C-alpha atoms as a PDB file:
ATOM      1  CA  MET A   1     -51.817  -1.531 -11.958  1.00  0.00           C
ATOM      2  CA  ILE A   2     -53.717   1.195 -13.789  1.00  0.00           C
ATOM      3  CA  LYS A   3     -57.164   1.618 -12.260  1.00  0.00           C
ATOM      4  CA  VAL A   4     -58.543   5.057 -13.181  1.00  0.00           C
ATOM      5  CA  GLY A   5     -58.352   7.588 -15.982  1.00  0.00           C
ATOM      6  CA  LEU A   6     -59.632  10.800 -17.446  1.00  0.00           C
ATOM      7  CA  PHE A   7     -60.973  11.724 -20.844  1.00  0.00           C
ATOM      8  CA  VAL A   8     -61.265  15.406 -21.698  1.00  0.00           C
ATOM      9  CA  ARG A   9     -63.063  16.389 -24.904  1.00  0.00           C
ATOM     10  CA  LEU A  10     -62.016  19.729 -26.390  1.00  0.00           C
ATOM     11  CA  GLU A  11     -63.729  21.616 -29.215  1.00  0.00           C
ATOM     12  CA  ALA A  12     -61.524  24.329 -30.712  1.00  0.00           C
ATOM     13  CA  LYS A  13     -62.955  27.717 -31.583  1.00  0.00           C
ATOM     14  CA  PRO A  14     -62.886  28.423 -35.331  1.00  0.00           C
ATOM     15  CA  GLY A  15     -59.367  29.416 -36.326  1.00  0.00           C
ATOM     16  CA  LYS A  16     -57.833  28.152 -33.046  1.00  0.00           C
ATOM     17  CA  GLU A  17     -57.168  24.576 -34.163  1.00  0.00           C
ATOM     18  CA  GLN A  18     -53.407  25.009 -34.511  1.00  0.00           C
ATOM     19  CA  GLU A  19     -53.180  26.738 -31.133  1.00  0.00           C
ATOM     20  CA  VAL A  20     -55.033  23.839 -29.488  1.00  0.00           C
ATOM     21  CA  ALA A  21     -52.708  21.317 -31.157  1.00  0.00           C
ATOM     22  CA  ASP A  22     -49.688  23.330 -30.002  1.00  0.00           C
ATOM     23  CA  PHE A  23     -51.113  23.535 -26.476  1.00  0.00           C
ATOM     24  CA  LEU A  24     -51.457  19.745 -26.336  1.00  0.00           C
ATOM     25  CA  ARG A  25     -47.940  19.207 -27.665  1.00  0.00           C
ATOM     26  CA  GLY A  26     -46.577  21.637 -25.072  1.00  0.00           C
ATOM     27  CA  GLY A  27     -48.548  19.981 -22.285  1.00  0.00           C
ATOM     28  CA  LEU A  28     -46.429  16.861 -22.541  1.00  0.00           C
ATOM     29  CA  ALA A  29     -43.460  18.581 -20.872  1.00  0.00           C
ATOM     30  CA  LEU A  30     -45.632  19.511 -17.893  1.00  0.00           C
ATOM     31  CA  VAL A  31     -47.111  16.022 -17.552  1.00  0.00           C
ATOM     32  CA  GLU A  32     -43.665  14.441 -17.654  1.00  0.00           C
ATOM     33  CA  GLN A  33     -43.077  16.156 -14.286  1.00  0.00           C
ATOM     34  CA  GLU A  34     -46.050  14.285 -12.753  1.00  0.00           C
ATOM     35  CA  PRO A  35     -44.804  10.926 -11.443  1.00  0.00           C
ATOM     36  CA  GLU A  36     -48.338   9.728 -10.644  1.00  0.00           C
ATOM     37  CA  THR A  37     -49.568  10.153 -14.240  1.00  0.00           C
ATOM     38  CA  ALA A  38     -48.992   6.730 -15.803  1.00  0.00           C
ATOM     39  CA  THR A  39     -49.949   7.617 -19.384  1.00  0.00           C
ATOM     40  CA  TRP A  40     -51.017  10.828 -21.096  1.00  0.00           C
ATOM     41  CA  TYR A  41     -52.172  11.351 -24.671  1.00  0.00           C
ATOM     42  CA  GLY A  42     -53.087  14.533 -26.493  1.00  0.00           C
ATOM     43  CA  VAL A  43     -55.203  13.559 -29.515  1.00  0.00           C
ATOM     44  CA  GLN A  44     -57.032  15.062 -32.467  1.00  0.00           C
ATOM     45  CA  MET A  45     -60.255  13.319 -33.476  1.00  0.00           C
ATOM     46  CA  GLY A  46     -61.426  15.650 -36.225  1.00  0.00           C
ATOM     47  CA  PRO A  47     -60.728  19.066 -37.741  1.00  0.00           C
ATOM     48  CA  THR A  48     -61.803  20.946 -34.587  1.00  0.00           C
ATOM     49  CA  THR A  49     -62.176  18.131 -32.045  1.00  0.00           C
ATOM     50  CA  PHE A  50     -59.331  17.281 -29.697  1.00  0.00           C
ATOM     51  CA  GLY A  51     -58.943  15.339 -26.494  1.00  0.00           C
ATOM     52  CA  ILE A  52     -56.756  14.296 -23.615  1.00  0.00           C
ATOM     53  CA  PHE A  53     -56.699  10.733 -22.311  1.00  0.00           C
ATOM     54  CA  ASP A  54     -54.627   9.866 -19.278  1.00  0.00           C
ATOM     55  CA  THR A  55     -54.385   7.063 -16.738  1.00  0.00           C
ATOM     56  CA  PHE A  56     -53.389   6.626 -13.109  1.00  0.00           C
ATOM     57  CA  ALA A  57     -52.774   3.821 -10.647  1.00  0.00           C
ATOM     58  CA  ASP A  58     -55.276   5.253  -8.183  1.00  0.00           C
ATOM     59  CA  GLU A  59     -57.589   8.115  -7.279  1.00  0.00           C
ATOM     60  CA  ALA A  60     -54.796  10.003  -5.508  1.00  0.00           C
ATOM     61  CA  GLY A  61     -52.833  10.168  -8.761  1.00  0.00           C
ATOM     62  CA  ARG A  62     -55.862  11.371 -10.687  1.00  0.00           C
ATOM     63  CA  LYS A  63     -56.558  14.074  -8.102  1.00  0.00           C
ATOM     64  CA  ALA A  64     -52.928  15.184  -8.179  1.00  0.00           C
ATOM     65  CA  HIS A  65     -53.109  15.530 -11.953  1.00  0.00           C
ATOM     66  CA  LEU A  66     -56.373  17.488 -11.805  1.00  0.00           C
ATOM     67  CA  GLY A  67     -54.641  19.904  -9.433  1.00  0.00           C
ATOM     68  CA  GLY A  68     -51.504  20.094 -11.590  1.00  0.00           C
ATOM     69  CA  LYS A  69     -50.067  22.547 -14.077  1.00  0.00           C
ATOM     70  CA  VAL A  70     -51.634  21.088 -17.224  1.00  0.00           C
ATOM     71  CA  ALA A  71     -55.149  21.273 -15.778  1.00  0.00           C
ATOM     72  CA  GLU A  72     -54.462  24.799 -14.543  1.00  0.00           C
ATOM     73  CA  ALA A  73     -53.255  25.908 -17.975  1.00  0.00           C
ATOM     74  CA  LEU A  74     -56.117  24.128 -19.722  1.00  0.00           C
ATOM     75  CA  PHE A  75     -58.817  25.911 -17.762  1.00  0.00           C
ATOM     76  CA  ALA A  76     -56.981  29.248 -17.837  1.00  0.00           C
ATOM     77  CA  GLN A  77     -56.844  29.176 -21.657  1.00  0.00           C
ATOM     78  CA  ALA A  78     -60.278  27.604 -22.172  1.00  0.00           C
ATOM     79  CA  PRO A  79     -62.168  30.857 -22.896  1.00  0.00           C
ATOM     80  CA  GLU A  80     -59.648  31.806 -25.587  1.00  0.00           C
ATOM     81  CA  LEU A  81     -59.166  28.418 -27.266  1.00  0.00           C
ATOM     82  CA  PHE A  82     -62.355  26.388 -26.881  1.00  0.00           C
ATOM     83  CA  ALA A  83     -65.896  26.755 -28.212  1.00  0.00           C
ATOM     84  CA  SER A  84     -67.231  25.265 -24.964  1.00  0.00           C
ATOM     85  CA  ALA A  85     -65.834  24.339 -21.571  1.00  0.00           C
ATOM     86  CA  PRO A  86     -63.611  21.231 -21.570  1.00  0.00           C
ATOM     87  CA  ALA A  87     -65.754  18.164 -20.858  1.00  0.00           C
ATOM     88  CA  VAL A  88     -63.935  16.133 -18.205  1.00  0.00           C
ATOM     89  CA  GLU A  89     -65.028  12.528 -17.728  1.00  0.00           C
ATOM     90  CA  MET A  90     -63.777  10.287 -14.932  1.00  0.00           C
ATOM     91  CA  LEU A  91     -63.065   6.731 -16.078  1.00  0.00           C
ATOM     92  CA  ASP A  92     -62.604   3.410 -14.337  1.00  0.00           C
ATOM     93  CA  ILE A  93     -60.134   1.240 -16.253  1.00  0.00           C
ATOM     94  CA  LEU A  94     -61.579  -2.256 -16.629  1.00  0.00           C
ATOM     95  CA  ALA A  95     -58.742  -3.789 -18.639  1.00  0.00           C
ATOM     96  CA  SER A  96     -55.484  -2.584 -20.154  1.00  0.00           C
ATOM     97  CA  LYS A  97     -52.351  -3.787 -21.900  1.00  0.00           C
ATOM     98  CA  GLY A  98     -49.073  -2.123 -20.959  1.00  0.00           C
ATOM     99  CA  ALA A  99     -46.324  -1.250 -23.383  1.00  0.00           C
END
């Protein structure tokens, strides 16, 4: 059962929108190597606003993801790609429908 998640809001620097989109698309390959990440979505919510939404069965899975390669790459590239630091929000999943 999915119990916890993360939402990360990303605001691209002017002119970096395509690079942010490409970063999110490329992140999928890294997340696919994380067995404890149940779902992972890279999304675009507006011209410069992007996000990551992912879910986990438990806190251990969430912590493993936060210490993984995607998070490492995200924060390493943040000064170059984003207008502000990524805003990471911890979520408790109250209800969900699986695929």
